[in-house]
N, C-alpha and C. Protein backbone atom coordinates (compact mmCIF):
# COMPACT_ATOMS: atom_id res chain seq x y z
N MET A 1 0.94 -1.27 0.18
CA MET A 1 0.05 -0.02 0.02
C MET A 1 0.76 1.19 -0.02
N ASP A 2 0.59 2.16 -0.92
CA ASP A 2 1.54 3.20 -1.04
C ASP A 2 1.01 4.29 -0.19
N VAL A 3 1.91 5.54 0.15
CA VAL A 3 1.57 6.67 1.43
C VAL A 3 0.34 7.03 0.77
N THR A 4 -0.31 7.41 -0.36
CA THR A 4 -1.68 7.98 -0.72
C THR A 4 -2.57 7.13 -0.34
N THR A 5 -2.50 5.95 -0.61
CA THR A 5 -3.60 5.11 -0.12
C THR A 5 -3.90 4.80 1.25
N LEU A 6 -2.43 4.91 2.19
CA LEU A 6 -2.58 4.73 3.56
C LEU A 6 -3.28 5.81 3.84
N ALA A 7 -2.96 6.94 3.51
CA ALA A 7 -3.69 8.51 3.99
C ALA A 7 -4.89 8.47 3.69
N VAL A 8 -5.58 8.16 2.88
CA VAL A 8 -6.89 7.91 2.24
C VAL A 8 -7.54 6.80 3.22
N ALA A 9 -7.05 5.91 3.74
CA ALA A 9 -7.75 4.81 4.38
C ALA A 9 -7.70 5.32 5.93
N LEU A 10 -6.70 6.03 6.32
CA LEU A 10 -6.64 6.70 7.66
C LEU A 10 -7.62 7.77 8.00
N ILE A 11 -7.80 8.41 6.54
CA ILE A 11 -8.83 9.65 6.77
C ILE A 11 -10.18 8.88 6.97
N GLY A 12 -10.43 7.97 6.08
CA GLY A 12 -11.74 7.52 6.09
C GLY A 12 -12.07 6.95 7.33
N VAL A 13 -11.20 6.38 8.30
CA VAL A 13 -11.44 5.67 9.53
C VAL A 13 -11.57 6.83 10.42
N GLY A 14 -10.79 7.74 10.37
CA GLY A 14 -11.04 9.08 11.15
C GLY A 14 -12.12 9.39 10.76
N GLY A 15 -12.80 9.66 9.75
CA GLY A 15 -13.94 10.41 9.50
C GLY A 15 -15.14 9.40 10.28
N THR A 16 -14.98 8.20 10.11
CA THR A 16 -16.12 7.36 10.56
C THR A 16 -16.05 7.52 12.07
N LEU A 17 -14.99 7.39 12.58
CA LEU A 17 -14.84 7.46 14.03
C LEU A 17 -15.37 8.92 14.77
N SER A 18 -14.99 10.18 13.64
CA SER A 18 -15.48 11.40 14.14
C SER A 18 -16.92 11.31 14.02
N GLY A 19 -17.56 10.78 12.93
CA GLY A 19 -19.12 10.66 12.74
C GLY A 19 -19.71 10.07 13.80
N THR A 20 -19.26 8.83 14.12
CA THR A 20 -19.63 7.99 15.32
C THR A 20 -19.99 8.74 16.28
N LEU A 21 -18.76 9.33 17.01
CA LEU A 21 -18.62 9.95 18.22
C LEU A 21 -19.69 11.27 18.07
N GLY A 22 -19.53 11.98 16.88
CA GLY A 22 -20.41 13.15 16.98
C GLY A 22 -21.93 12.73 16.85
N GLY A 23 -22.15 11.34 16.25
CA GLY A 23 -23.51 11.25 16.40
C GLY A 23 -24.10 10.93 17.59
N ALA A 24 -23.19 10.06 18.46
CA ALA A 24 -23.29 9.73 19.80
C ALA A 24 -23.64 10.98 20.98
N LEU A 25 -22.62 12.00 20.43
CA LEU A 25 -22.91 13.13 21.35
C LEU A 25 -24.09 13.86 21.15
N LEU A 26 -24.36 14.00 19.78
CA LEU A 26 -25.74 14.75 19.59
C LEU A 26 -26.94 13.84 20.03
N SER A 27 -26.60 12.54 20.05
CA SER A 27 -27.94 11.72 20.35
C SER A 27 -28.19 11.99 21.98
N GLN A 28 -26.93 12.01 22.65
CA GLN A 28 -26.87 12.23 24.32
C GLN A 28 -27.56 13.78 24.43
N ARG A 29 -27.03 14.59 23.80
CA ARG A 29 -27.76 16.04 23.84
C ARG A 29 -29.26 16.13 23.86
N VAL A 30 -29.68 15.50 23.01
CA VAL A 30 -31.25 15.28 22.48
C VAL A 30 -31.76 14.56 23.49
N THR A 31 -31.44 13.69 24.23
CA THR A 31 -31.86 12.74 25.14
C THR A 31 -32.10 13.66 26.45
N ARG A 32 -30.94 14.24 26.78
CA ARG A 32 -30.77 15.15 27.98
C ARG A 32 -31.78 16.37 27.81
N GLU A 33 -31.89 17.03 26.62
CA GLU A 33 -33.01 18.02 26.39
C GLU A 33 -34.25 17.65 26.57
N GLN A 34 -34.55 16.00 26.19
CA GLN A 34 -35.98 15.73 26.12
C GLN A 34 -36.26 15.26 27.55
N ASN A 35 -35.17 14.95 28.33
CA ASN A 35 -35.48 14.63 29.98
C ASN A 35 -35.65 16.00 30.68
N GLN A 36 -34.95 16.90 30.13
CA GLN A 36 -34.90 18.28 30.91
C GLN A 36 -36.58 19.07 30.65
N ARG A 37 -36.91 18.52 29.49
CA ARG A 37 -38.07 19.43 29.07
C ARG A 37 -39.40 18.46 29.57
N ALA A 38 -39.06 17.05 30.04
CA ALA A 38 -40.07 16.26 30.40
C ALA A 38 -40.13 16.83 32.04
N ASP A 39 -38.84 17.13 32.62
CA ASP A 39 -38.58 17.43 34.20
C ASP A 39 -39.51 18.55 34.38
N ARG A 40 -39.37 19.51 33.38
CA ARG A 40 -40.07 21.02 33.51
C ARG A 40 -41.46 20.83 33.27
N GLU A 41 -41.85 19.86 32.42
CA GLU A 41 -43.42 19.42 32.41
C GLU A 41 -44.06 18.90 33.53
N ARG A 42 -43.23 18.05 34.14
CA ARG A 42 -43.78 17.43 35.26
C ARG A 42 -44.01 18.19 36.42
N ALA A 43 -43.03 19.09 36.61
CA ALA A 43 -43.02 20.19 37.40
C ALA A 43 -44.10 21.34 37.58
N GLU A 44 -44.26 21.67 36.18
CA GLU A 44 -45.30 22.82 35.76
C GLU A 44 -46.71 21.93 36.03
N ASP A 45 -46.72 20.47 36.14
CA ASP A 45 -48.17 19.73 36.09
C ASP A 45 -48.23 19.74 37.74
N ARG A 46 -47.22 19.30 38.45
CA ARG A 46 -47.38 19.36 39.82
C ARG A 46 -47.93 20.80 40.40
N HIS A 47 -47.32 21.82 40.02
CA HIS A 47 -47.55 23.01 40.38
C HIS A 47 -49.05 23.50 40.16
N ASP A 48 -49.35 23.19 39.01
CA ASP A 48 -50.91 23.30 38.32
C ASP A 48 -51.85 22.45 39.09
N ARG A 49 -51.52 21.35 39.67
CA ARG A 49 -52.44 20.51 40.60
C ARG A 49 -52.44 20.99 42.02
N ALA A 50 -51.26 21.63 42.44
CA ALA A 50 -51.30 21.88 43.58
C ALA A 50 -52.15 23.24 43.80
N GLN A 51 -51.88 24.16 42.75
CA GLN A 51 -52.79 25.28 42.71
C GLN A 51 -54.20 25.14 42.64
N GLU A 52 -54.58 24.25 41.97
CA GLU A 52 -55.98 23.84 41.88
C GLU A 52 -56.61 23.26 43.17
N ALA A 53 -55.63 22.62 43.68
CA ALA A 53 -56.14 21.84 45.00
C ALA A 53 -56.02 23.14 45.98
N ARG A 54 -55.28 24.14 46.18
CA ARG A 54 -55.28 25.23 46.86
C ARG A 54 -56.53 26.11 46.69
N ARG A 55 -56.72 26.41 45.08
CA ARG A 55 -58.02 27.06 45.02
C ARG A 55 -59.36 26.47 45.55
N ASP A 56 -59.35 25.34 45.35
CA ASP A 56 -60.51 24.40 45.82
C ASP A 56 -60.55 24.38 47.53
N LEU A 57 -59.43 24.35 48.32
CA LEU A 57 -59.36 24.55 49.66
C LEU A 57 -60.13 25.76 50.19
N TYR A 58 -59.49 26.89 49.31
CA TYR A 58 -59.65 28.16 49.76
C TYR A 58 -61.08 28.53 49.49
N ALA A 59 -61.63 28.12 48.36
CA ALA A 59 -63.06 28.17 48.02
C ALA A 59 -63.91 27.53 49.18
N ARG A 60 -63.77 26.28 49.64
CA ARG A 60 -64.36 25.79 50.40
C ARG A 60 -64.34 26.42 52.07
N LEU A 61 -63.29 26.93 52.14
CA LEU A 61 -63.18 27.59 53.69
C LEU A 61 -64.01 28.79 53.61
N ASN A 62 -63.96 29.60 52.36
CA ASN A 62 -64.49 30.77 52.02
C ASN A 62 -66.13 30.82 52.12
N THR A 63 -66.44 29.63 51.51
CA THR A 63 -67.91 29.27 51.54
C THR A 63 -68.56 28.88 53.01
N THR A 64 -67.83 28.13 53.42
CA THR A 64 -68.32 27.57 54.74
C THR A 64 -68.00 28.88 56.08
N ALA A 65 -67.25 29.69 55.96
CA ALA A 65 -67.14 30.83 56.89
C ALA A 65 -68.47 31.58 56.49
N ARG A 66 -68.96 31.94 55.33
CA ARG A 66 -69.87 32.81 54.94
C ARG A 66 -71.31 32.04 55.44
N ALA A 67 -71.40 30.88 55.31
CA ALA A 67 -72.49 30.00 55.68
C ALA A 67 -72.82 29.84 57.04
N TYR A 68 -71.49 29.80 57.64
CA TYR A 68 -71.51 29.72 59.27
C TYR A 68 -72.25 31.22 59.69
N ARG A 69 -71.80 32.25 59.26
CA ARG A 69 -72.10 33.46 59.50
C ARG A 69 -73.62 33.83 59.28
N VAL A 70 -73.85 33.45 58.26
CA VAL A 70 -75.56 33.55 57.76
C VAL A 70 -76.45 32.70 58.59
N ALA A 71 -76.12 31.50 58.82
CA ALA A 71 -76.70 30.61 59.60
C ALA A 71 -77.30 31.35 61.16
N ALA A 72 -76.08 31.96 61.60
CA ALA A 72 -76.07 32.21 62.82
C ALA A 72 -76.87 33.74 62.86
N ARG A 73 -76.71 34.75 61.75
CA ARG A 73 -77.44 35.77 61.80
C ARG A 73 -78.97 35.45 61.68
N ASP A 74 -79.20 34.48 60.81
CA ASP A 74 -80.57 34.35 60.46
C ASP A 74 -81.45 33.63 61.68
N ALA A 75 -80.60 32.76 62.36
CA ALA A 75 -81.22 32.48 63.65
C ALA A 75 -81.44 33.34 64.66
N ILE A 76 -80.36 34.39 64.75
CA ILE A 76 -80.78 35.42 65.53
C ILE A 76 -82.08 36.31 65.24
N ARG A 77 -82.32 36.54 63.98
CA ARG A 77 -83.35 37.37 63.67
C ARG A 77 -84.50 36.49 63.76
N ALA A 78 -84.62 35.49 63.54
CA ALA A 78 -85.80 34.40 63.65
C ALA A 78 -86.10 34.54 64.90
N THR A 79 -85.32 34.03 66.07
CA THR A 79 -85.60 34.00 67.47
C THR A 79 -86.12 35.38 67.95
N GLU A 80 -85.62 36.47 67.47
CA GLU A 80 -86.10 37.84 67.93
C GLU A 80 -87.64 38.04 67.46
N ARG A 81 -87.86 37.56 66.11
CA ARG A 81 -89.31 37.73 65.89
C ARG A 81 -90.30 36.77 66.13
N GLY A 82 -89.59 35.63 67.23
CA GLY A 82 -90.40 34.60 68.01
C GLY A 82 -90.84 33.71 67.21
N GLU A 83 -89.98 33.18 65.82
CA GLU A 83 -90.33 32.33 65.03
C GLU A 83 -89.28 31.02 65.40
N SER A 84 -89.96 29.84 64.93
CA SER A 84 -89.19 28.72 65.54
C SER A 84 -88.08 28.57 64.80
N VAL A 85 -86.76 28.20 65.10
CA VAL A 85 -85.43 27.98 64.92
C VAL A 85 -84.94 26.67 64.95
N GLU A 86 -84.58 25.90 64.05
CA GLU A 86 -84.00 24.77 63.91
C GLU A 86 -82.75 24.72 64.18
N PRO A 87 -82.31 24.51 65.39
CA PRO A 87 -80.66 24.34 65.81
C PRO A 87 -79.71 23.47 65.10
N ALA A 88 -80.28 22.55 64.12
CA ALA A 88 -79.56 21.78 63.56
C ALA A 88 -78.88 22.54 62.06
N ILE A 89 -79.39 23.63 61.84
CA ILE A 89 -79.06 24.29 60.68
C ILE A 89 -77.64 24.97 61.13
N LEU A 90 -77.77 25.66 62.47
CA LEU A 90 -76.73 26.42 62.57
C LEU A 90 -75.53 25.42 63.33
N ASP A 91 -75.71 24.17 63.62
CA ASP A 91 -74.86 23.07 64.15
C ASP A 91 -74.33 22.50 62.62
N ALA A 92 -75.10 22.47 61.64
CA ALA A 92 -74.45 21.72 60.51
C ALA A 92 -73.38 22.79 60.02
N ALA A 93 -73.72 24.10 59.83
CA ALA A 93 -72.92 25.00 59.37
C ALA A 93 -71.68 25.25 60.11
N LYS A 94 -71.97 25.07 61.70
CA LYS A 94 -70.71 25.07 62.43
C LYS A 94 -69.74 24.15 62.19
N GLU A 95 -70.39 22.86 61.97
CA GLU A 95 -69.37 21.59 61.73
C GLU A 95 -68.68 21.70 60.37
N ALA A 96 -69.33 22.02 59.53
CA ALA A 96 -68.92 22.18 57.94
C ALA A 96 -67.68 23.09 58.08
N TRP A 97 -67.78 24.14 58.81
CA TRP A 97 -66.62 25.53 58.88
C TRP A 97 -65.46 24.52 59.61
N ALA A 98 -65.74 23.90 60.82
CA ALA A 98 -64.68 23.34 61.61
C ALA A 98 -63.95 22.31 60.74
N GLU A 99 -64.74 21.65 59.95
CA GLU A 99 -64.09 20.49 59.17
C GLU A 99 -63.02 20.89 58.21
N GLN A 100 -63.49 22.17 57.21
CA GLN A 100 -62.84 22.83 56.30
C GLN A 100 -61.51 23.62 56.86
N TYR A 101 -61.69 23.90 58.04
CA TYR A 101 -60.90 24.82 58.90
C TYR A 101 -59.69 23.92 59.45
N SER A 102 -60.02 22.68 59.74
CA SER A 102 -59.25 21.47 60.46
C SER A 102 -58.14 20.99 59.38
N LEU A 103 -58.83 20.93 57.94
CA LEU A 103 -57.95 20.64 56.83
C LEU A 103 -57.23 21.66 56.38
N ALA A 104 -57.44 22.90 56.21
CA ALA A 104 -56.88 24.11 55.97
C ALA A 104 -55.55 24.34 56.88
N GLN A 105 -55.78 24.00 57.97
CA GLN A 105 -54.61 24.43 58.86
C GLN A 105 -53.30 23.58 58.47
N MET A 106 -53.34 22.72 57.97
CA MET A 106 -52.23 21.91 57.48
C MET A 106 -51.56 22.49 56.18
N ALA A 107 -52.44 23.31 55.43
CA ALA A 107 -51.98 23.84 54.41
C ALA A 107 -51.86 25.46 54.06
N LEU A 108 -52.27 26.10 55.08
CA LEU A 108 -52.19 27.58 54.80
C LEU A 108 -50.97 28.01 55.25
N PRO A 109 -50.65 29.20 54.31
CA PRO A 109 -49.37 29.75 54.56
C PRO A 109 -49.37 30.64 55.91
N ARG A 110 -48.73 30.92 56.62
CA ARG A 110 -48.47 31.70 57.89
C ARG A 110 -49.38 32.91 58.07
N ASP A 111 -49.41 33.59 57.30
CA ASP A 111 -50.34 34.82 57.33
C ASP A 111 -51.76 34.67 56.97
N VAL A 112 -52.15 33.49 56.03
CA VAL A 112 -53.19 33.38 56.01
C VAL A 112 -54.07 32.62 57.12
N HIS A 113 -52.91 31.74 57.52
CA HIS A 113 -53.69 30.92 59.00
C HIS A 113 -53.84 31.83 60.09
N GLU A 114 -53.37 32.99 60.12
CA GLU A 114 -53.57 34.04 61.34
C GLU A 114 -54.73 34.53 61.02
N ILE A 115 -55.28 34.93 59.93
CA ILE A 115 -56.56 35.27 59.35
C ILE A 115 -57.79 34.43 59.79
N ALA A 116 -57.44 33.25 59.38
CA ALA A 116 -58.30 31.90 59.48
C ALA A 116 -58.48 31.55 60.95
N SER A 117 -57.56 31.80 61.60
CA SER A 117 -57.72 31.43 63.14
C SER A 117 -58.13 32.30 63.75
N SER A 118 -58.02 33.58 63.85
CA SER A 118 -58.77 34.84 64.23
C SER A 118 -60.17 34.90 63.84
N LEU A 119 -60.44 34.11 62.69
CA LEU A 119 -62.14 34.23 62.54
C LEU A 119 -62.55 32.91 62.92
N ASN A 120 -61.89 32.10 63.19
CA ASN A 120 -62.37 30.62 63.99
C ASN A 120 -62.71 31.29 65.31
N ARG A 121 -61.60 31.97 65.95
CA ARG A 121 -62.38 32.39 67.25
C ARG A 121 -63.64 33.18 67.50
N ALA A 122 -63.39 34.04 66.36
CA ALA A 122 -64.86 35.15 66.43
C ALA A 122 -65.94 34.33 66.15
N LEU A 123 -65.96 33.30 64.99
CA LEU A 123 -67.18 32.51 64.81
C LEU A 123 -67.46 31.59 66.22
N GLY A 124 -66.51 31.22 66.80
CA GLY A 124 -66.78 30.40 68.15
C GLY A 124 -67.53 31.35 69.10
N VAL A 125 -67.14 32.77 69.30
CA VAL A 125 -67.70 33.55 70.02
C VAL A 125 -68.99 33.92 69.62
N GLY A 126 -69.26 33.85 68.51
CA GLY A 126 -70.56 34.28 67.76
C GLY A 126 -71.93 33.23 68.17
N TYR A 127 -71.31 31.87 67.98
CA TYR A 127 -71.84 30.56 68.16
C TYR A 127 -72.63 30.87 69.88
N SER A 128 -71.67 31.26 70.64
CA SER A 128 -71.99 31.20 72.25
C SER A 128 -73.09 32.27 72.10
N VAL A 129 -72.53 33.37 71.46
CA VAL A 129 -73.81 34.59 71.69
C VAL A 129 -75.24 34.00 71.21
N VAL A 130 -75.46 33.34 70.14
CA VAL A 130 -76.64 32.90 69.77
C VAL A 130 -77.10 31.85 70.84
N LYS A 131 -76.29 31.02 71.33
CA LYS A 131 -76.86 29.81 72.29
C LYS A 131 -77.18 30.65 73.64
N GLN A 132 -76.28 31.73 74.14
CA GLN A 132 -76.83 32.17 75.37
C GLN A 132 -77.90 33.35 75.12
N LEU A 133 -78.55 33.67 74.12
CA LEU A 133 -79.60 34.66 74.10
C LEU A 133 -80.87 34.26 74.88
N PRO A 134 -81.36 33.13 74.73
CA PRO A 134 -82.68 32.73 75.51
C PRO A 134 -82.34 33.22 77.16
N SER A 135 -81.10 33.15 77.67
CA SER A 135 -81.15 33.34 79.08
C SER A 135 -80.37 34.72 79.49
N ALA A 136 -80.56 35.39 78.29
CA ALA A 136 -79.65 36.93 78.50
C ALA A 136 -80.40 37.57 79.42
N PRO A 137 -79.81 38.44 80.48
CA PRO A 137 -80.52 39.50 81.40
C PRO A 137 -81.51 40.31 80.78
N ASP A 138 -80.99 40.75 79.77
CA ASP A 138 -81.46 42.07 78.92
C ASP A 138 -81.86 41.48 77.51
N LEU A 139 -82.78 40.95 77.16
CA LEU A 139 -83.09 40.49 75.74
C LEU A 139 -82.84 41.70 74.80
N VAL A 140 -83.49 42.85 74.88
CA VAL A 140 -83.20 43.65 73.85
C VAL A 140 -81.73 43.93 73.66
N GLU A 141 -80.99 44.00 74.62
CA GLU A 141 -79.58 44.35 74.62
C GLU A 141 -78.69 43.37 73.93
N ALA A 142 -79.16 41.93 74.37
CA ALA A 142 -78.54 40.68 74.03
C ALA A 142 -78.68 40.67 72.49
N TYR A 143 -79.98 40.89 71.87
CA TYR A 143 -80.39 40.63 70.58
C TYR A 143 -79.41 41.76 69.69
N ASN A 144 -79.63 43.20 70.24
CA ASN A 144 -78.86 43.96 69.52
C ASN A 144 -77.48 44.14 69.32
N ARG A 145 -76.95 43.26 70.32
CA ARG A 145 -75.44 42.99 70.43
C ARG A 145 -75.06 41.73 69.47
N ALA A 146 -75.79 40.98 69.41
CA ALA A 146 -75.72 39.96 68.54
C ALA A 146 -75.71 40.33 67.22
N LYS A 147 -76.97 41.06 66.92
CA LYS A 147 -76.96 41.44 65.33
C LYS A 147 -75.57 42.23 64.95
N ASP A 148 -75.08 43.42 66.00
CA ASP A 148 -74.31 44.18 65.58
C ASP A 148 -72.69 43.32 65.49
N TRP A 149 -72.92 42.26 66.17
CA TRP A 149 -71.48 41.23 66.01
C TRP A 149 -71.77 40.67 64.81
N PHE A 150 -72.58 40.04 64.18
CA PHE A 150 -72.60 39.31 62.97
C PHE A 150 -72.75 40.11 62.02
N SER A 151 -73.27 41.52 61.78
CA SER A 151 -73.21 42.25 60.91
C SER A 151 -72.07 43.39 60.61
N GLY A 152 -71.48 43.46 61.99
CA GLY A 152 -70.26 44.33 61.71
C GLY A 152 -68.88 43.83 61.81
N ALA A 153 -68.31 43.38 63.15
CA ALA A 153 -67.00 42.75 63.51
C ALA A 153 -66.93 41.56 62.66
N LEU A 154 -67.76 40.57 63.00
CA LEU A 154 -67.53 39.38 62.40
C LEU A 154 -67.91 39.22 60.68
N SER A 155 -68.96 40.06 60.05
CA SER A 155 -68.93 40.19 58.94
C SER A 155 -67.59 40.60 58.18
N ASP A 156 -66.85 41.78 58.93
CA ASP A 156 -65.58 41.91 58.07
C ASP A 156 -64.52 41.24 58.28
N GLY A 157 -64.70 40.28 59.47
CA GLY A 157 -63.96 39.08 59.50
C GLY A 157 -63.92 38.13 58.18
N VAL A 158 -65.13 37.81 58.00
CA VAL A 158 -65.33 37.21 56.93
C VAL A 158 -64.85 37.68 55.75
N TYR A 159 -65.28 38.98 55.43
CA TYR A 159 -64.68 39.61 54.24
C TYR A 159 -63.19 39.57 54.29
N LEU A 160 -62.54 39.92 55.33
CA LEU A 160 -61.04 39.77 55.23
C LEU A 160 -60.32 38.46 54.89
N LEU A 161 -61.13 37.19 55.41
CA LEU A 161 -60.61 36.29 54.92
C LEU A 161 -60.61 35.68 53.49
N ARG A 162 -61.88 36.15 52.79
CA ARG A 162 -61.84 36.04 51.46
C ARG A 162 -60.91 36.95 50.61
N VAL A 163 -60.76 37.92 51.26
CA VAL A 163 -59.49 39.01 50.39
C VAL A 163 -58.17 38.51 50.81
N THR A 164 -57.74 38.06 51.83
CA THR A 164 -56.75 37.38 52.16
C THR A 164 -56.37 36.23 51.39
N LEU A 165 -57.29 35.29 51.06
CA LEU A 165 -57.22 34.08 50.03
C LEU A 165 -57.31 34.31 48.82
N ARG A 166 -57.69 35.71 48.34
CA ARG A 166 -57.61 35.84 47.00
C ARG A 166 -56.35 36.46 46.80
N HIS A 167 -55.77 37.24 47.63
CA HIS A 167 -54.57 37.93 47.56
C HIS A 167 -53.43 36.57 47.53
N ASP A 168 -53.39 35.66 48.24
CA ASP A 168 -52.56 34.64 48.43
C ASP A 168 -52.47 33.79 47.09
N LEU A 169 -53.75 34.09 46.24
CA LEU A 169 -53.74 33.29 45.01
C LEU A 169 -53.45 33.91 43.98
N GLY A 170 -53.09 35.30 44.35
CA GLY A 170 -52.61 36.15 43.29
C GLY A 170 -53.65 37.01 42.50
N VAL A 171 -55.06 36.29 42.85
CA VAL A 171 -56.27 37.03 42.14
C VAL A 171 -56.46 38.32 42.41
N GLU A 172 -56.36 38.78 43.33
CA GLU A 172 -56.83 40.30 43.68
C GLU A 172 -55.53 40.78 44.63
N ILE A 173 -54.63 41.47 43.96
CA ILE A 173 -53.60 42.27 44.73
C ILE A 173 -53.92 43.63 44.85
N GLU A 174 -53.76 43.97 46.28
CA GLU A 174 -54.08 45.36 46.47
C GLU A 174 -52.72 45.79 47.28
N PRO A 175 -52.23 46.93 46.66
CA PRO A 175 -50.92 47.68 46.99
C PRO A 175 -50.66 47.82 48.49
N ASP A 176 -51.85 48.19 49.22
CA ASP A 176 -51.74 48.55 50.58
C ASP A 176 -52.13 47.20 51.33
N PHE A 177 -52.19 46.24 50.96
CA PHE A 177 -52.83 44.95 51.53
C PHE A 177 -52.53 44.87 52.99
N GLU A 178 -50.90 44.68 53.06
CA GLU A 178 -50.58 44.57 54.56
C GLU A 178 -51.16 45.29 55.60
N ARG A 179 -51.14 46.48 55.34
CA ARG A 179 -51.50 47.31 56.18
C ARG A 179 -53.21 47.30 56.45
N THR A 180 -53.81 47.19 55.50
CA THR A 180 -55.23 46.80 55.70
C THR A 180 -55.70 45.72 56.39
N ARG A 181 -54.70 44.42 56.12
CA ARG A 181 -55.01 43.51 56.90
C ARG A 181 -54.77 43.38 58.30
N THR A 182 -53.67 44.18 58.62
CA THR A 182 -53.37 44.12 59.99
C THR A 182 -54.12 45.21 60.80
N ARG A 183 -54.79 45.95 60.21
CA ARG A 183 -55.66 46.74 60.90
C ARG A 183 -57.02 46.14 61.14
N MET A 184 -57.53 45.44 60.06
CA MET A 184 -58.84 44.74 60.34
C MET A 184 -58.56 43.37 61.29
N LEU A 185 -57.56 42.71 61.15
CA LEU A 185 -57.37 41.84 62.19
C LEU A 185 -57.16 42.37 63.47
N THR A 186 -56.64 43.46 63.78
CA THR A 186 -56.51 43.82 65.12
C THR A 186 -58.04 44.39 65.70
N VAL A 187 -58.83 44.96 64.70
CA VAL A 187 -59.99 45.28 65.19
C VAL A 187 -60.99 43.99 65.47
N LEU A 188 -60.83 43.08 64.68
CA LEU A 188 -61.72 41.65 64.79
C LEU A 188 -61.11 41.21 66.27
N ASP A 189 -59.91 41.17 66.48
CA ASP A 189 -59.41 40.38 67.82
C ASP A 189 -59.75 41.45 69.18
N THR A 190 -59.90 42.58 68.92
CA THR A 190 -60.30 43.54 70.04
C THR A 190 -61.67 43.53 70.12
N GLU A 191 -62.39 43.24 69.28
CA GLU A 191 -63.93 43.33 69.47
C GLU A 191 -64.29 41.94 69.93
N ARG A 192 -63.37 40.69 69.62
CA ARG A 192 -63.85 39.69 69.97
C ARG A 192 -63.46 39.44 71.42
N ARG A 193 -62.34 39.85 71.93
CA ARG A 193 -61.97 39.76 73.31
C ARG A 193 -63.04 40.83 74.27
N SER A 194 -63.44 41.77 73.63
CA SER A 194 -64.24 42.65 74.47
C SER A 194 -65.62 41.97 74.64
N LEU A 195 -66.13 41.28 73.43
CA LEU A 195 -67.33 40.33 73.72
C LEU A 195 -67.04 39.01 74.37
N GLU A 196 -66.10 38.49 74.47
CA GLU A 196 -65.72 37.38 75.38
C GLU A 196 -65.99 37.47 76.75
N ARG A 197 -65.35 38.86 77.12
CA ARG A 197 -65.44 39.38 78.51
C ARG A 197 -66.77 39.85 78.94
N LEU A 198 -67.62 40.41 78.06
CA LEU A 198 -68.94 40.65 78.41
C LEU A 198 -69.70 39.49 78.77
N LEU A 199 -69.36 38.49 77.85
CA LEU A 199 -70.34 37.36 77.87
C LEU A 199 -69.92 36.40 79.46
N ALA A 200 -68.55 36.43 79.55
CA ALA A 200 -68.31 35.64 80.69
C ALA A 200 -68.70 36.54 82.02
N SER A 201 -68.60 37.86 81.91
CA SER A 201 -69.23 38.58 83.12
C SER A 201 -70.75 38.21 83.28
N GLU A 202 -71.44 38.35 81.93
CA GLU A 202 -73.00 37.93 82.28
C GLU A 202 -73.05 36.53 82.60
N GLN A 203 -72.20 35.79 82.32
CA GLN A 203 -72.56 34.13 82.63
C GLN A 203 -72.07 33.87 84.24
N ALA A 204 -71.02 34.73 84.94
CA ALA A 204 -70.73 34.71 86.22
C ALA A 204 -71.89 35.29 87.09
N THR A 205 -72.87 36.11 86.71
CA THR A 205 -73.84 36.95 87.58
C THR A 205 -75.08 36.15 87.33
N ARG A 206 -75.31 35.15 86.41
CA ARG A 206 -76.46 34.39 86.42
C ARG A 206 -76.71 33.45 87.68
N PRO A 207 -77.73 33.40 88.34
CA PRO A 207 -78.13 32.48 88.99
C PRO A 207 -77.63 30.91 88.60
N VAL A 208 -77.34 30.05 89.74
CA VAL A 208 -77.05 28.79 89.12
C VAL A 208 -78.36 27.90 89.35
């Protein structure tokens, strides 16, 4: 074999090896990009499912809070008018809220949980207000106080929960949200503690 033939043969072998290695590297890169794309798609899918689950949870939490407040308010108005009230309606609304709140506690961000927790205590006080109405020392005052609570501070508390949930989901962004949230939460907690003290004082003075 002369020098020229040998050179051509070597070039041919080199070209074949180069082509084989290049093809292998290209195949590896394509596979890597496909895997990375698949990973991104799976991550996006997990994120979408988590967001959907969170929206569903928030919707149920908001719905049961509103239903609990409405059931208590309606019971107060019906009792004041002397109409028959079915306790099971209020109790069912109370249990529905308690179930959703219990589930939500494991998933709520800290700021959202703070609002839900405060509202939970406020709703609990409201339930006590309704149950203690028949034995109140001053029925007129008791009814007015109950109506004020459910149409005032507690109504604002339910609204605050809804706005907070929407803000956390990115549906409703308010530039001054944190200041508003802090102010409304402070009012709700202050009013609740005042009502708790008043109920406890009345309970202590009632004859056994």
